[in-house]
Amino acid sequence: MSHAKSNTDESVKAGRNSEAPTGSERLAALGGSVLRQVPGPLIGLIAVCIAFSWMSPYFLTERNLINIFSQISEIGIMAVGAALVILIGGIDLSVGAVVALSLMVNAWLYRDFGVPFVFSSLVGLGVGALVGLVNGVLSTYGRVQPFVATLATMSACSGLALYVTNGGPVTGFPDWFTGLASLRIFGLPFESLLMVGIFLIVAWWLTFRPTGRSLYAIGGSEEVARLSGINTRAVKILVYVIAGLLAAVASLVLGARLDSAHPTAGISDLLSVIAVVVIGGASLAGGSGGMLGTFIGLLIIGVLRNGMALLNVSPNLQPVVIGIAIIIAVMLDRKTAN
């Protein structure tokens, strides 16, 4: 009996040892766990940077990296506002047209009416906020779908930008204003520092302020948020106003860089702005996303554009590559989420 019992105990131990994970299995499980904690877009960004640094010796130079941040500044500022709108389950198609209208009104007042440039710039910022207010009121009190409301304001803003100056560009901004495009602080472009500062301020607001955190509640379920005591209409209008205001700020960055105002400036950036937010992991249904993911998505777009320019990729093929990158980044994010 004791001999049989001994054999039974040994077989049980052997079975347990055979079920125990090996060292390589533990390492693979740990690696998988760590990988799931890393955002999919960040993996895509690292992969793209490695690829371009291998294909071009100029990619990782200090000058080129600074150029990347400078080139994406106005898109990044617009993307912050677009991310907030998408976070509450909305969409803002008017951001690019607001850039054009705000910049054209600013230049129009300065050139044709002699308004001091500081005041004309403030009026331009007010135009952006006003368009955002219209978007917010239409989508809340007007009960118009955000897609339709912002599509209408996009069309109206594009037409007004062409109308105020008969479709012609305006040049001759003050030297101190255009000098901001070449201003360096601690070796970094002022426009890039402005963009990063806006990202940090909005990230702090979303994380630590009740109004900012309420955006996630509204995006998750607006009715539940309303029953919880959140003034959903006021918050949504505020978000659209912020988006319009940030688009107007982006128009100043673009105007300083170009030293001119064009009635179509910024309109072509709409798809890039939405792509930045979606690549960053935000859901178009609302309730998920943030400034870190949006910033990573912005870097992916900037790195792709810059790297393809260094490799002399045809401009006609660049949108194709960016489209493929969007799909890969989103798929990686879904995979790591699971």
Protein backbone atom coordinates (compact mmCIF):
# COMPACT_ATOMS: atom_id res chain seq x y z
CA MET A 1 0.00 0.00 0.00
CA SER A 2 2.80 2.43 0.88
CA HIS A 3 4.57 1.59 -2.38
CA ALA A 4 1.40 2.30 -4.41
CA LYS A 5 0.85 5.53 -2.51
CA SER A 6 4.42 6.62 -3.24
CA ASN A 7 3.93 5.98 -6.95
CA THR A 8 0.69 7.96 -6.88
CA ASP A 9 2.39 10.95 -5.18
CA GLU A 10 5.21 10.90 -7.72
CA SER A 11 2.77 10.85 -10.63
CA VAL A 12 0.85 13.82 -9.15
CA LYS A 13 4.08 15.78 -8.73
CA ALA A 14 5.13 14.93 -12.25
CA GLY A 15 1.76 16.13 -13.54
CA ARG A 16 2.12 19.40 -11.65
CA ASN A 17 5.65 19.91 -12.94
CA SER A 18 4.51 19.27 -16.50
CA GLU A 19 1.76 21.90 -16.12
CA ALA A 20 4.10 24.52 -14.64
CA PRO A 21 5.21 27.14 -17.20
CA THR A 22 8.81 27.07 -18.30
CA GLY A 23 11.15 30.07 -18.12
CA SER A 24 10.63 30.95 -21.77
CA GLU A 25 6.87 30.75 -21.35
CA ARG A 26 7.02 33.07 -18.34
CA LEU A 27 9.17 35.50 -20.34
CA ALA A 28 6.77 35.40 -23.28
CA ALA A 29 3.80 35.99 -20.96
CA LEU A 30 5.60 38.93 -19.32
CA GLY A 31 6.45 40.38 -22.72
CA GLY A 32 2.85 40.05 -23.85
CA SER A 33 1.63 41.76 -20.69
CA VAL A 34 4.06 44.66 -21.16
CA LEU A 35 3.15 44.93 -24.85
CA ARG A 36 -0.54 45.22 -24.00
CA GLN A 37 0.26 48.20 -21.79
CA VAL A 38 1.99 50.04 -24.66
CA PRO A 39 -0.41 52.04 -26.88
CA GLY A 40 -0.61 50.68 -30.40
CA PRO A 41 0.10 54.09 -32.01
CA LEU A 42 3.33 54.35 -29.99
CA ILE A 43 4.49 51.02 -31.39
CA GLY A 44 3.74 52.30 -34.88
CA LEU A 45 5.63 55.54 -34.21
CA ILE A 46 8.72 53.70 -32.98
CA ALA A 47 8.65 51.35 -35.98
CA VAL A 48 8.34 54.24 -38.45
CA CYS A 49 11.19 56.16 -36.79
CA ILE A 50 13.46 53.11 -36.90
CA ALA A 51 12.65 52.54 -40.57
CA PHE A 52 13.33 56.12 -41.64
CA SER A 53 16.51 56.38 -39.56
CA TRP A 54 17.79 53.30 -41.39
CA MET A 55 16.79 54.56 -44.83
CA SER A 56 18.00 58.16 -44.45
CA PRO A 57 21.08 59.39 -42.54
CA TYR A 58 19.47 62.83 -42.19
CA PHE A 59 16.34 61.73 -40.37
CA LEU A 60 17.66 61.64 -36.80
CA THR A 61 19.64 64.85 -37.07
CA GLU A 62 18.77 67.61 -34.61
CA ARG A 63 17.83 70.02 -37.37
CA ASN A 64 15.43 67.60 -39.00
CA LEU A 65 13.71 66.64 -35.75
CA ILE A 66 13.15 70.32 -34.99
CA ASN A 67 11.74 70.77 -38.49
CA ILE A 68 9.24 67.97 -37.85
CA PHE A 69 7.87 69.71 -34.77
CA SER A 70 7.75 73.04 -36.58
CA GLN A 71 5.91 71.60 -39.59
CA ILE A 72 3.15 69.99 -37.53
CA SER A 73 2.49 72.91 -35.17
CA GLU A 74 -0.72 74.28 -36.71
CA ILE A 75 -2.14 70.79 -37.34
CA GLY A 76 -1.37 69.86 -33.74
CA ILE A 77 -3.17 72.92 -32.36
CA MET A 78 -6.22 72.16 -34.49
CA ALA A 79 -6.06 68.49 -33.48
CA VAL A 80 -6.38 69.39 -29.78
CA GLY A 81 -9.77 71.00 -30.41
CA ALA A 82 -10.86 68.23 -32.76
CA ALA A 83 -9.94 65.62 -30.14
CA LEU A 84 -12.12 67.33 -27.53
CA VAL A 85 -15.07 67.37 -29.93
CA ILE A 86 -14.62 63.70 -30.83
CA LEU A 87 -14.29 62.90 -27.12
CA ILE A 88 -17.88 64.04 -26.51
CA GLY A 89 -19.11 62.01 -29.49
CA GLY A 90 -19.20 64.89 -31.95
CA ILE A 91 -17.29 65.85 -35.06
CA ASP A 92 -16.02 69.21 -36.30
CA LEU A 93 -15.54 69.48 -40.05
CA SER A 94 -15.15 73.26 -39.94
CA VAL A 95 -11.71 73.54 -38.29
CA GLY A 96 -9.82 73.98 -41.57
CA ALA A 97 -12.30 76.53 -42.90
CA VAL A 98 -12.15 78.42 -39.59
CA VAL A 99 -8.38 78.74 -40.05
CA ALA A 100 -8.95 80.33 -43.47
CA LEU A 101 -11.74 82.67 -42.34
CA SER A 102 -10.01 83.78 -39.14
CA LEU A 103 -6.76 84.54 -40.96
CA MET A 104 -8.49 86.36 -43.82
CA VAL A 105 -10.59 88.53 -41.50
CA ASN A 106 -7.47 89.37 -39.53
CA ALA A 107 -5.52 90.35 -42.65
CA TRP A 108 -8.51 92.16 -44.19
CA LEU A 109 -9.00 94.41 -41.15
CA TYR A 110 -5.28 95.12 -40.93
CA ARG A 111 -4.75 95.94 -44.62
CA ASP A 112 -8.00 97.57 -45.72
CA PHE A 113 -9.13 99.31 -42.54
CA GLY A 114 -5.82 100.06 -40.82
CA VAL A 115 -6.79 98.26 -37.63
CA PRO A 116 -3.72 97.67 -35.43
CA PHE A 117 -2.55 94.13 -35.96
CA VAL A 118 -2.96 93.12 -32.31
CA PHE A 119 -6.63 94.12 -32.38
CA SER A 120 -7.26 92.56 -35.79
CA SER A 121 -5.73 89.33 -34.45
CA LEU A 122 -8.07 89.42 -31.47
CA VAL A 123 -11.00 89.86 -33.85
CA GLY A 124 -9.74 86.85 -35.81
CA LEU A 125 -9.63 84.80 -32.61
CA GLY A 126 -13.16 85.99 -31.83
CA VAL A 127 -14.32 84.83 -35.26
CA GLY A 128 -13.02 81.34 -34.52
CA ALA A 129 -14.75 81.25 -31.15
CA LEU A 130 -17.97 82.56 -32.72
CA VAL A 131 -18.01 79.79 -35.34
CA GLY A 132 -17.45 77.29 -32.55
CA LEU A 133 -20.38 78.81 -30.65
CA VAL A 134 -22.61 78.45 -33.71
CA ASN A 135 -21.56 74.81 -34.07
CA GLY A 136 -22.29 74.14 -30.42
CA VAL A 137 -25.70 75.84 -30.43
CA LEU A 138 -26.76 74.07 -33.63
CA SER A 139 -25.76 70.65 -32.30
CA THR A 140 -27.36 71.14 -28.85
CA TYR A 141 -30.33 73.52 -28.88
CA GLY A 142 -30.86 73.16 -32.63
CA ARG A 143 -30.64 69.35 -32.40
CA VAL A 144 -28.75 69.26 -35.69
CA GLN A 145 -26.37 66.36 -36.17
CA PRO A 146 -22.79 67.60 -35.56
CA PHE A 147 -21.72 66.29 -38.96
CA VAL A 148 -24.40 68.33 -40.72
CA ALA A 149 -23.97 71.43 -38.54
CA THR A 150 -20.21 71.64 -38.98
CA LEU A 151 -20.48 70.77 -42.67
CA ALA A 152 -22.74 73.81 -43.08
CA THR A 153 -20.42 76.13 -41.15
CA MET A 154 -17.44 74.74 -43.10
CA SER A 155 -19.13 75.73 -46.35
CA ALA A 156 -20.13 79.15 -45.00
CA CYS A 157 -16.65 79.89 -43.62
CA SER A 158 -14.97 78.84 -46.87
CA GLY A 159 -17.27 81.13 -48.85
CA LEU A 160 -16.76 84.08 -46.50
CA ALA A 161 -12.98 83.64 -46.59
CA LEU A 162 -13.12 83.98 -50.37
CA TYR A 163 -15.63 86.84 -50.25
CA VAL A 164 -13.90 89.26 -47.88
CA THR A 165 -10.89 89.68 -50.20
CA ASN A 166 -12.39 88.55 -53.51
CA GLY A 167 -10.42 85.32 -53.37
CA GLY A 168 -7.00 86.99 -53.40
CA PRO A 169 -4.18 86.54 -50.88
CA VAL A 170 -3.18 89.27 -48.43
CA THR A 171 0.48 89.96 -47.71
CA GLY A 172 2.48 92.44 -45.70
CA PHE A 173 2.12 91.40 -42.07
CA PRO A 174 4.20 93.23 -39.43
CA ASP A 175 7.81 92.13 -39.16
CA TRP A 176 7.49 91.32 -35.47
CA PHE A 177 4.64 88.92 -36.26
CA THR A 178 6.38 87.06 -39.08
CA GLY A 179 9.49 86.96 -36.92
CA LEU A 180 7.63 84.65 -34.52
CA ALA A 181 7.97 81.88 -37.12
CA SER A 182 11.76 82.00 -36.79
CA LEU A 183 11.87 82.74 -33.07
CA ARG A 184 13.80 80.16 -31.03
CA ILE A 185 13.57 79.68 -27.28
CA PHE A 186 16.31 77.44 -25.88
CA GLY A 187 16.91 76.36 -29.48
CA LEU A 188 13.31 75.27 -30.01
CA PRO A 189 10.79 76.96 -32.33
CA PHE A 190 8.29 79.19 -30.55
CA GLU A 191 5.39 77.70 -32.52
CA SER A 192 6.32 74.19 -31.36
CA LEU A 193 6.54 75.29 -27.74
CA LEU A 194 3.13 76.95 -28.11
CA MET A 195 1.67 73.71 -29.46
CA VAL A 196 3.18 71.60 -26.68
CA GLY A 197 1.96 74.11 -24.09
CA ILE A 198 -1.61 73.84 -25.42
CA PHE A 199 -1.41 70.04 -25.29
CA LEU A 200 -0.21 70.14 -21.66
CA ILE A 201 -2.86 72.63 -20.54
CA VAL A 202 -5.70 70.66 -22.12
CA ALA A 203 -4.31 67.37 -20.76
CA TRP A 204 -4.27 68.89 -17.26
CA TRP A 205 -7.84 70.13 -17.73
CA LEU A 206 -9.07 66.71 -18.86
CA THR A 207 -7.32 64.95 -15.98
CA PHE A 208 -7.77 67.19 -12.97
CA ARG A 209 -10.79 69.44 -13.56
CA PRO A 210 -14.39 68.24 -13.13
CA THR A 211 -15.48 69.97 -16.34
CA GLY A 212 -12.72 68.25 -18.26
CA ARG A 213 -13.50 64.83 -16.83
CA SER A 214 -17.17 65.34 -17.68
CA LEU A 215 -16.27 65.13 -21.38
CA TYR A 216 -15.64 61.40 -20.98
CA ALA A 217 -18.99 60.97 -19.24
CA ILE A 218 -20.82 62.82 -22.02
CA GLY A 219 -19.06 60.81 -24.70
CA GLY A 220 -19.83 57.56 -22.92
CA SER A 221 -23.53 58.29 -22.39
CA GLU A 222 -24.93 61.79 -22.62
CA GLU A 223 -28.18 60.83 -20.91
CA VAL A 224 -26.41 59.26 -17.94
CA ALA A 225 -24.16 62.32 -17.69
CA ARG A 226 -27.21 64.59 -17.68
CA LEU A 227 -28.91 62.55 -14.97
CA SER A 228 -25.68 62.76 -12.95
CA GLY A 229 -26.04 66.53 -12.78
CA ILE A 230 -23.74 67.55 -15.63
CA ASN A 231 -24.97 70.45 -17.75
CA THR A 232 -24.30 68.59 -20.97
CA ARG A 233 -25.44 71.38 -23.29
CA ALA A 234 -23.16 73.96 -21.69
CA VAL A 235 -20.17 71.61 -21.73
CA LYS A 236 -20.70 70.65 -25.38
CA ILE A 237 -21.00 74.29 -26.43
CA LEU A 238 -17.82 75.07 -24.48
CA VAL A 239 -15.97 72.28 -26.30
CA TYR A 240 -17.00 73.58 -29.73
CA VAL A 241 -15.98 77.13 -28.75
CA ILE A 242 -12.57 75.84 -27.65
CA ALA A 243 -12.18 73.97 -30.94
CA GLY A 244 -13.00 77.11 -32.93
CA LEU A 245 -10.68 79.25 -30.83
CA LEU A 246 -7.78 76.82 -31.24
CA ALA A 247 -8.35 76.76 -35.00
CA ALA A 248 -8.03 80.55 -34.96
CA VAL A 249 -4.79 80.25 -32.96
CA ALA A 250 -3.51 77.83 -35.59
CA SER A 251 -4.30 80.45 -38.25
CA LEU A 252 -1.90 82.87 -36.55
CA VAL A 253 0.85 80.23 -36.57
CA LEU A 254 0.23 79.56 -40.25
CA GLY A 255 0.07 83.26 -41.14
CA ALA A 256 3.36 84.00 -39.42
CA ARG A 257 5.07 81.17 -41.26
CA LEU A 258 3.69 82.05 -44.71
CA ASP A 259 3.84 85.84 -44.21
CA SER A 260 0.51 85.96 -46.01
CA ALA A 261 -3.16 85.03 -45.74
CA HIS A 262 -4.75 82.75 -48.33
CA PRO A 263 -8.51 82.13 -48.50
CA THR A 264 -7.92 78.37 -48.77
CA ALA A 265 -5.26 78.12 -46.06
CA GLY A 266 -5.90 75.28 -43.64
CA ILE A 267 -8.84 73.78 -45.53
CA SER A 268 -6.76 70.91 -46.88
CA ASP A 269 -5.63 70.05 -43.32
CA LEU A 270 -9.05 68.77 -42.23
CA LEU A 271 -8.42 65.11 -43.05
CA SER A 272 -4.97 65.26 -41.45
CA VAL A 273 -6.47 66.66 -38.24
CA ILE A 274 -9.11 63.93 -38.02
CA ALA A 275 -6.51 61.29 -38.92
CA VAL A 276 -4.26 62.49 -36.09
CA VAL A 277 -7.05 62.05 -33.54
CA VAL A 278 -8.15 58.64 -34.85
CA ILE A 279 -4.58 57.32 -35.06
CA GLY A 280 -4.14 58.48 -31.47
CA GLY A 281 -6.74 55.95 -30.35
CA ALA A 282 -9.82 58.14 -29.97
CA SER A 283 -13.15 56.53 -30.76
CA LEU A 284 -15.48 58.36 -33.14
CA ALA A 285 -18.32 57.11 -30.93
CA GLY A 286 -16.93 59.27 -28.11
CA GLY A 287 -15.87 58.57 -24.54
CA SER A 288 -12.28 57.46 -25.18
CA GLY A 289 -9.08 59.21 -26.15
CA GLY A 290 -6.76 61.80 -24.73
CA MET A 291 -3.98 64.25 -25.39
CA LEU A 292 -1.15 61.70 -25.15
CA GLY A 293 -2.64 59.52 -27.87
CA THR A 294 -3.42 62.56 -30.01
CA PHE A 295 0.15 63.78 -29.67
CA ILE A 296 1.49 60.37 -30.71
CA GLY A 297 -0.85 60.37 -33.71
CA LEU A 298 0.40 63.84 -34.61
CA LEU A 299 4.02 62.65 -34.50
CA ILE A 300 3.18 59.68 -36.73
CA ILE A 301 1.72 61.96 -39.39
CA GLY A 302 4.63 64.40 -39.08
CA VAL A 303 7.29 61.69 -39.23
CA LEU A 304 5.66 60.05 -42.25
CA ARG A 305 5.47 63.29 -44.18
CA ASN A 306 9.02 64.29 -43.31
CA GLY A 307 10.52 60.86 -43.93
CA MET A 308 8.87 60.49 -47.32
CA ALA A 309 10.10 63.94 -48.31
CA LEU A 310 13.66 62.93 -47.37
CA LEU A 311 13.32 59.80 -49.50
CA ASN A 312 11.91 61.80 -52.44
CA VAL A 313 8.66 59.85 -52.44
CA SER A 314 6.21 61.23 -54.98
CA PRO A 315 3.66 63.61 -53.41
CA ASN A 316 0.98 61.61 -55.21
CA LEU A 317 1.93 58.46 -53.29
CA GLN A 318 2.31 60.07 -49.87
CA PRO A 319 -1.45 60.05 -49.08
CA VAL A 320 -1.50 56.33 -49.93
CA VAL A 321 1.29 55.60 -47.45
CA ILE A 322 -0.37 57.71 -44.76
CA GLY A 323 -3.66 55.87 -45.33
CA ILE A 324 -1.94 52.50 -44.88
CA ALA A 325 -0.25 53.78 -41.72
CA ILE A 326 -3.62 54.87 -40.32
CA ILE A 327 -5.05 51.37 -40.81
CA ILE A 328 -2.00 49.66 -39.27
CA ALA A 329 -1.92 52.00 -36.26
CA VAL A 330 -5.62 51.51 -35.55
CA MET A 331 -5.33 47.72 -35.89
CA LEU A 332 -2.37 47.66 -33.50
CA ASP A 333 -4.31 49.72 -30.99
CA ARG A 334 -7.29 47.35 -31.16
CA LYS A 335 -4.99 44.32 -30.80
CA THR A 336 -3.18 45.66 -27.74
CA ALA A 337 -6.54 46.65 -26.22
CA ASN A 338 -7.61 43.03 -26.40
